[in-house]
């Protein structure tokens, strides 16, 4: 599959476990090997950018670039775990 940078920038970057990491903002290109070495990924306007190495990419789907779960930054993993909805069970107390 061949993609232009314009097409690549429209792709959402997701881990194998469907965690959204953001979208591709740019690429790092190796001129000696004439290949993409890393992808710059950013999620949201104020989030910091981070790099994903080409070995961390598992494949491409329609509008999605899949990466291995290990590609997610640690703070993103922790944040994702905190966003899990918690439904406490009601507790009834009885007086005797």
C-alpha atoms as a PDB file:
ATOM      1  CA  UNK A   1       0.000   0.000   0.000  1.00  0.00           C
ATOM      2  CA  UNK A   2       1.289   3.430  -0.893  1.00  0.00           C
ATOM      3  CA  UNK A   3       0.162   6.536   0.965  1.00  0.00           C
ATOM      4  CA  UNK A   4       0.884  10.204   0.537  1.00  0.00           C
ATOM      5  CA  UNK A   5       1.723  12.316   3.585  1.00  0.00           C
ATOM      6  CA  UNK A   6      -1.647  14.010   3.140  1.00  0.00           C
ATOM      7  CA  UNK A   7      -3.436  10.633   3.388  1.00  0.00           C
ATOM      8  CA  UNK A   8      -1.262   9.564   6.320  1.00  0.00           C
ATOM      9  CA  UNK A   9      -2.113  12.725   8.275  1.00  0.00           C
ATOM     10  CA  UNK A  10      -5.825  11.871   8.031  1.00  0.00           C
ATOM     11  CA  UNK A  11      -5.276   8.509   9.762  1.00  0.00           C
ATOM     12  CA  UNK A  12      -6.149   7.870  13.375  1.00  0.00           C
ATOM     13  CA  UNK A  13      -3.435   6.054  15.325  1.00  0.00           C
ATOM     14  CA  UNK A  14      -4.825   3.247  17.506  1.00  0.00           C
ATOM     15  CA  UNK A  15      -3.224   0.495  19.542  1.00  0.00           C
ATOM     16  CA  UNK A  16      -4.128  -3.148  19.075  1.00  0.00           C
ATOM     17  CA  UNK A  17      -6.445  -2.796  22.103  1.00  0.00           C
ATOM     18  CA  UNK A  18      -8.253   0.170  20.430  1.00  0.00           C
ATOM     19  CA  UNK A  19      -6.735   2.945  22.566  1.00  0.00           C
ATOM     20  CA  UNK A  20      -6.701   6.112  20.443  1.00  0.00           C
ATOM     21  CA  UNK A  21      -3.280   7.743  20.524  1.00  0.00           C
ATOM     22  CA  UNK A  22      -4.068  10.592  18.128  1.00  0.00           C
ATOM     23  CA  UNK A  23      -3.220  11.247  14.525  1.00  0.00           C
ATOM     24  CA  UNK A  24      -0.047  11.483  12.489  1.00  0.00           C
ATOM     25  CA  UNK A  25       1.256  15.041  12.301  1.00  0.00           C
ATOM     26  CA  UNK A  26       4.544  14.411  10.490  1.00  0.00           C
ATOM     27  CA  UNK A  27       7.104  11.761   9.575  1.00  0.00           C
ATOM     28  CA  UNK A  28      10.851  11.349  10.116  1.00  0.00           C
ATOM     29  CA  UNK A  29      12.447  10.234   6.878  1.00  0.00           C
ATOM     30  CA  UNK A  30      15.808   8.470   6.468  1.00  0.00           C
ATOM     31  CA  UNK A  31      17.456   9.780   3.323  1.00  0.00           C
ATOM     32  CA  UNK A  32      20.084   7.010   3.203  1.00  0.00           C
ATOM     33  CA  UNK A  33      17.569   4.181   3.245  1.00  0.00           C
ATOM     34  CA  UNK A  34      14.812   6.259   1.610  1.00  0.00           C
ATOM     35  CA  UNK A  35      12.225   5.103   4.146  1.00  0.00           C
ATOM     36  CA  UNK A  36      10.087   6.356   7.007  1.00  0.00           C
ATOM     37  CA  UNK A  37      11.844   5.837  10.342  1.00  0.00           C
ATOM     38  CA  UNK A  38       9.369   7.405  12.782  1.00  0.00           C
ATOM     39  CA  UNK A  39       5.887   8.911  12.875  1.00  0.00           C
ATOM     40  CA  UNK A  40       5.073  12.027  14.916  1.00  0.00           C
ATOM     41  CA  UNK A  41       1.738  11.553  16.660  1.00  0.00           C
ATOM     42  CA  UNK A  42      -0.348  14.103  18.549  1.00  0.00           C
ATOM     43  CA  UNK A  43      -3.763  13.862  20.215  1.00  0.00           C
ATOM     44  CA  UNK A  44      -5.487  17.202  20.663  1.00  0.00           C
ATOM     45  CA  UNK A  45      -4.145  20.719  20.357  1.00  0.00           C
ATOM     46  CA  UNK A  46      -2.436  21.025  23.744  1.00  0.00           C
ATOM     47  CA  UNK A  47      -1.130  17.464  24.088  1.00  0.00           C
ATOM     48  CA  UNK A  48       2.567  16.889  23.512  1.00  0.00           C
ATOM     49  CA  UNK A  49       3.789  15.106  20.423  1.00  0.00           C
ATOM     50  CA  UNK A  50       5.577  11.786  20.624  1.00  0.00           C
ATOM     51  CA  UNK A  51       7.368   9.536  18.161  1.00  0.00           C
ATOM     52  CA  UNK A  52       6.391   6.043  17.096  1.00  0.00           C
ATOM     53  CA  UNK A  53       9.118   3.959  15.488  1.00  0.00           C
ATOM     54  CA  UNK A  54       8.201   2.088  12.310  1.00  0.00           C
ATOM     55  CA  UNK A  55       8.853  -1.235  14.107  1.00  0.00           C
ATOM     56  CA  UNK A  56       6.003  -0.386  16.494  1.00  0.00           C
ATOM     57  CA  UNK A  57       3.499  -0.195  13.623  1.00  0.00           C
ATOM     58  CA  UNK A  58       1.544  -3.416  13.190  1.00  0.00           C
ATOM     59  CA  UNK A  59      -0.317  -2.420  10.043  1.00  0.00           C
ATOM     60  CA  UNK A  60      -2.665  -0.081   8.223  1.00  0.00           C
ATOM     61  CA  UNK A  61      -6.424  -0.285   7.868  1.00  0.00           C
ATOM     62  CA  UNK A  62      -8.829   2.108   6.228  1.00  0.00           C
ATOM     63  CA  UNK A  63      -8.226   5.463   7.971  1.00  0.00           C
ATOM     64  CA  UNK A  64      -6.393   3.720  10.876  1.00  0.00           C
ATOM     65  CA  UNK A  65      -2.726   3.104  11.582  1.00  0.00           C
ATOM     66  CA  UNK A  66      -2.455   0.221  14.080  1.00  0.00           C
ATOM     67  CA  UNK A  67       0.437   0.138  16.520  1.00  0.00           C
ATOM     68  CA  UNK A  68       1.384  -2.357  19.194  1.00  0.00           C
ATOM     69  CA  UNK A  69       0.158  -1.607  22.725  1.00  0.00           C
ATOM     70  CA  UNK A  70       3.734  -0.984  23.841  1.00  0.00           C
ATOM     71  CA  UNK A  71       3.814   2.125  21.626  1.00  0.00           C
ATOM     72  CA  UNK A  72       1.432   3.990  23.953  1.00  0.00           C
ATOM     73  CA  UNK A  73       3.272   6.330  26.313  1.00  0.00           C
ATOM     74  CA  UNK A  74       3.072   5.406  30.004  1.00  0.00           C
ATOM     75  CA  UNK A  75       1.121   8.537  30.984  1.00  0.00           C
ATOM     76  CA  UNK A  76      -1.444   7.779  28.259  1.00  0.00           C
ATOM     77  CA  UNK A  77      -1.895   4.239  29.591  1.00  0.00           C
ATOM     78  CA  UNK A  78      -2.388   5.525  33.149  1.00  0.00           C
ATOM     79  CA  UNK A  79      -4.846   8.174  31.984  1.00  0.00           C
ATOM     80  CA  UNK A  80      -6.811   5.607  29.990  1.00  0.00           C
ATOM     81  CA  UNK A  81      -7.091   3.368  33.061  1.00  0.00           C
ATOM     82  CA  UNK A  82      -8.456   6.257  35.137  1.00  0.00           C
ATOM     83  CA  UNK A  83     -11.194   6.960  32.588  1.00  0.00           C
ATOM     84  CA  UNK A  84     -12.869   3.606  33.215  1.00  0.00           C
ATOM     85  CA  UNK A  85     -16.362   4.292  34.552  1.00  0.00           C
ATOM     86  CA  UNK A  86     -16.906   3.002  38.058  1.00  0.00           C
ATOM     87  CA  UNK A  87     -20.402   2.029  39.155  1.00  0.00           C
ATOM     88  CA  UNK A  88     -20.517   1.658  42.914  1.00  0.00           C
ATOM     89  CA  UNK A  89     -23.100  -0.699  44.311  1.00  0.00           C
ATOM     90  CA  UNK A  90     -25.613   0.798  46.724  1.00  0.00           C
ATOM     91  CA  UNK A  91     -25.193  -0.274  50.314  1.00  0.00           C
ATOM     92  CA  UNK A  92     -28.091  -0.613  52.731  1.00  0.00           C
ATOM     93  CA  UNK A  93     -27.394  -0.584  56.431  1.00  0.00           C
ATOM     94  CA  UNK A  94     -29.715  -2.157  58.937  1.00  0.00           C
ATOM     95  CA  UNK A  95     -29.996  -1.149  62.563  1.00  0.00           C
ATOM     96  CA  UNK A  96     -30.729  -3.812  65.167  1.00  0.00           C
END
